[in-house]
Amino acid sequence: MSINPLQSTSTLNDLASALVSRFDLNKDGQLTTEEFTQFLSTMLGSTGLSTPAATTGTTGSAGAPSTAFHGTVRPVMAGFDAGKLADATHATMKYKFGRVAQRYSLESVNDKASAGALLTSMKPDLDAAGLDVLAVDGDSIKVKDDAGQEAWIDVIRGSKSGAPAWQWLDTRF
């Protein structure tokens, strides 16, 4: 059996283009380290393999948030800009939260109690990311905003709908 190198190269290029398109969160035509890490995590997860970080589920050294994905289904990030999520220098409270939340699946969330349990389990990673979480109540967290004021933020949309998504909804306004 012979393989035409031109067809193989074309097929490989098509596959590479499709993968870049799928995992290029900021749509710049290139994969950042974070985007490539997500690709690898997805690929390893689909083969049943894991990395040491993916099996620990704990915070990393020096209090750094865990980079492991917690779950099997990637969450919807409603109202988050993929480019800002990928840009670690974009350090608003919303995007600090989003960078942690995108690593947590919402597949266990089917009511406010299960939403609260998930958010409570995320608290060490949120704290390590620089988000001062003062309390959790159902699908909302109480934080200190950039001005030092306490605010309740609804962070899980549709916790009872069967199709929850991460969001950032400041309930003061």
Foldseek 3Di string as FASTA:
>chain_A
DDDDPVVVVVVVVVVVQVLCVVQVQLPPSDADPLSVVVVVLLVCVVVVHDDPLQPPCAQDPPLAARPHAADNDFFAAPPDRSVLLVDLVNQALFSLVVVLCRSYDLQQQAWQVSLQVVVVSSVSNSVSSPWAFPDGGRQWTWTQGPVRDIWIWRQWPPSNPSRIHGYTHTPVD
